[in-house]
Amino acid sequence: MDIKKIWLPCENILYFEKKRRLVIITTLHKVFSPYLTTTEVLKQLDTSFIQIHRSYIINSRYVINSGNNKFTVTDSHEEIINLPIGRTFQ
């Protein structure tokens, strides 16, 4: 099996969403879906990333609001995305 590596600048990543073994990486322009663990993802990130839920890691550069058990981030098209804060991560 041929493994393809993709290098993404941290400043282009909005957030990570974990769905079982799949990680959905939402960037400013594209979405990627590799098979990674949360630990593997966190090891590769800089300090601007915050785990807010068992299933979500966000880039603090794109947070526009927090409260009511959610973080609000915006993408390059100014689309508003609400992500839940898990009780463990409050």
C-alpha atoms as a PDB file:
ATOM      1  CA  MET A   1       0.000   0.000   0.000  1.00  0.00           C
ATOM      2  CA  ASP A   2       1.311   3.429  -0.966  1.00  0.00           C
ATOM      3  CA  ILE A   3       1.070   6.047   1.798  1.00  0.00           C
ATOM      4  CA  LYS A   4       0.641   9.650   0.764  1.00  0.00           C
ATOM      5  CA  LYS A   5       1.785  12.402   3.147  1.00  0.00           C
ATOM      6  CA  ILE A   6       0.225  15.824   3.063  1.00  0.00           C
ATOM      7  CA  TRP A   7       1.823  18.827   4.763  1.00  0.00           C
ATOM      8  CA  LEU A   8      -0.604  21.500   5.918  1.00  0.00           C
ATOM      9  CA  PRO A   9       0.473  24.829   7.416  1.00  0.00           C
ATOM     10  CA  CYS A  10      -1.110  25.165  10.876  1.00  0.00           C
ATOM     11  CA  GLU A  11      -2.385  28.650  10.054  1.00  0.00           C
ATOM     12  CA  ASN A  12      -4.610  27.174   7.296  1.00  0.00           C
ATOM     13  CA  ILE A  13      -6.358  24.650   9.560  1.00  0.00           C
ATOM     14  CA  LEU A  14      -9.672  25.702  11.150  1.00  0.00           C
ATOM     15  CA  TYR A  15     -10.443  22.577  13.177  1.00  0.00           C
ATOM     16  CA  PHE A  16     -10.223  18.808  13.450  1.00  0.00           C
ATOM     17  CA  GLU A  17     -13.248  16.584  13.936  1.00  0.00           C
ATOM     18  CA  LYS A  18     -12.807  12.978  15.040  1.00  0.00           C
ATOM     19  CA  LYS A  19     -15.255  10.394  13.697  1.00  0.00           C
ATOM     20  CA  ARG A  20     -14.184   6.979  14.966  1.00  0.00           C
ATOM     21  CA  ARG A  21     -10.769   6.313  13.357  1.00  0.00           C
ATOM     22  CA  LEU A  22     -11.214   9.059  10.757  1.00  0.00           C
ATOM     23  CA  VAL A  23     -10.077  12.633  11.371  1.00  0.00           C
ATOM     24  CA  ILE A  24     -11.799  15.306   9.323  1.00  0.00           C
ATOM     25  CA  ILE A  25      -9.408  18.227   8.869  1.00  0.00           C
ATOM     26  CA  THR A  26     -11.202  21.397   7.821  1.00  0.00           C
ATOM     27  CA  THR A  27      -8.881  23.997   6.316  1.00  0.00           C
ATOM     28  CA  LEU A  28      -9.571  27.390   4.795  1.00  0.00           C
ATOM     29  CA  HIS A  29     -10.009  25.901   1.329  1.00  0.00           C
ATOM     30  CA  LYS A  30     -10.303  22.124   1.553  1.00  0.00           C
ATOM     31  CA  VAL A  31     -11.261  19.146   3.714  1.00  0.00           C
ATOM     32  CA  PHE A  32      -8.988  16.135   4.315  1.00  0.00           C
ATOM     33  CA  SER A  33      -9.909  12.815   5.949  1.00  0.00           C
ATOM     34  CA  PRO A  34      -6.914  10.733   7.092  1.00  0.00           C
ATOM     35  CA  TYR A  35      -6.946   7.864   9.580  1.00  0.00           C
ATOM     36  CA  LEU A  36      -5.206   9.190  12.718  1.00  0.00           C
ATOM     37  CA  THR A  37      -5.620   9.039  16.466  1.00  0.00           C
ATOM     38  CA  THR A  38      -6.264  12.174  18.503  1.00  0.00           C
ATOM     39  CA  THR A  39      -2.845  11.724  20.125  1.00  0.00           C
ATOM     40  CA  GLU A  40      -1.145  11.640  16.707  1.00  0.00           C
ATOM     41  CA  VAL A  41      -2.941  14.828  15.700  1.00  0.00           C
ATOM     42  CA  LEU A  42      -2.092  16.704  18.912  1.00  0.00           C
ATOM     43  CA  LYS A  43       1.623  15.774  18.651  1.00  0.00           C
ATOM     44  CA  GLN A  44       1.855  17.566  15.298  1.00  0.00           C
ATOM     45  CA  LEU A  45       0.180  20.851  16.265  1.00  0.00           C
ATOM     46  CA  ASP A  46       1.493  24.134  17.608  1.00  0.00           C
ATOM     47  CA  THR A  47       0.210  25.886  20.737  1.00  0.00           C
ATOM     48  CA  SER A  48      -2.582  27.760  18.938  1.00  0.00           C
ATOM     49  CA  PHE A  49      -4.678  24.565  18.871  1.00  0.00           C
ATOM     50  CA  ILE A  50      -7.038  23.732  21.737  1.00  0.00           C
ATOM     51  CA  GLN A  51      -8.900  20.491  22.332  1.00  0.00           C
ATOM     52  CA  ILE A  52     -12.448  21.553  23.291  1.00  0.00           C
ATOM     53  CA  HIS A  53     -14.212  18.202  23.069  1.00  0.00           C
ATOM     54  CA  ARG A  54     -13.319  14.541  22.731  1.00  0.00           C
ATOM     55  CA  SER A  55     -14.111  14.953  19.022  1.00  0.00           C
ATOM     56  CA  TYR A  56     -12.911  18.527  18.311  1.00  0.00           C
ATOM     57  CA  ILE A  57      -9.598  20.383  18.242  1.00  0.00           C
ATOM     58  CA  ILE A  58      -9.827  24.014  17.127  1.00  0.00           C
ATOM     59  CA  ASN A  59      -7.360  26.603  15.905  1.00  0.00           C
ATOM     60  CA  SER A  60      -7.641  29.553  18.314  1.00  0.00           C
ATOM     61  CA  ARG A  61      -6.688  31.939  15.481  1.00  0.00           C
ATOM     62  CA  TYR A  62     -10.197  31.511  14.025  1.00  0.00           C
ATOM     63  CA  VAL A  63     -12.278  31.728  17.225  1.00  0.00           C
ATOM     64  CA  ILE A  64     -14.652  34.685  17.092  1.00  0.00           C
ATOM     65  CA  ASN A  65     -16.744  33.892  20.160  1.00  0.00           C
ATOM     66  CA  SER A  66     -17.016  31.466  23.070  1.00  0.00           C
ATOM     67  CA  GLY A  67     -19.784  30.800  25.539  1.00  0.00           C
ATOM     68  CA  ASN A  68     -22.965  28.778  26.073  1.00  0.00           C
ATOM     69  CA  ASN A  69     -20.895  25.570  25.918  1.00  0.00           C
ATOM     70  CA  LYS A  70     -19.633  26.251  22.385  1.00  0.00           C
ATOM     71  CA  PHE A  71     -16.889  27.953  20.415  1.00  0.00           C
ATOM     72  CA  THR A  72     -17.721  29.871  17.262  1.00  0.00           C
ATOM     73  CA  VAL A  73     -15.159  29.886  14.456  1.00  0.00           C
ATOM     74  CA  THR A  74     -15.290  31.443  11.025  1.00  0.00           C
ATOM     75  CA  ASP A  75     -13.753  30.335   7.739  1.00  0.00           C
ATOM     76  CA  SER A  76     -12.357  32.320   4.797  1.00  0.00           C
ATOM     77  CA  HIS A  77     -15.896  32.800   3.425  1.00  0.00           C
ATOM     78  CA  GLU A  78     -17.007  34.203   6.813  1.00  0.00           C
ATOM     79  CA  GLU A  79     -19.220  31.157   7.372  1.00  0.00           C
ATOM     80  CA  ILE A  80     -20.051  30.743  11.060  1.00  0.00           C
ATOM     81  CA  ILE A  81     -19.345  27.301  12.556  1.00  0.00           C
ATOM     82  CA  ASN A  82     -20.427  26.405  16.122  1.00  0.00           C
ATOM     83  CA  LEU A  83     -18.510  23.614  17.852  1.00  0.00           C
ATOM     84  CA  PRO A  84     -19.488  22.127  21.239  1.00  0.00           C
ATOM     85  CA  ILE A  85     -17.318  22.266  24.351  1.00  0.00           C
ATOM     86  CA  GLY A  86     -17.197  18.927  26.164  1.00  0.00           C
ATOM     87  CA  ARG A  87     -17.682  18.910  29.951  1.00  0.00           C
ATOM     88  CA  THR A  88     -14.202  17.474  30.464  1.00  0.00           C
ATOM     89  CA  PHE A  89     -12.639  20.370  28.500  1.00  0.00           C
ATOM     90  CA  GLN A  90     -14.532  23.343  30.009  1.00  0.00           C
END
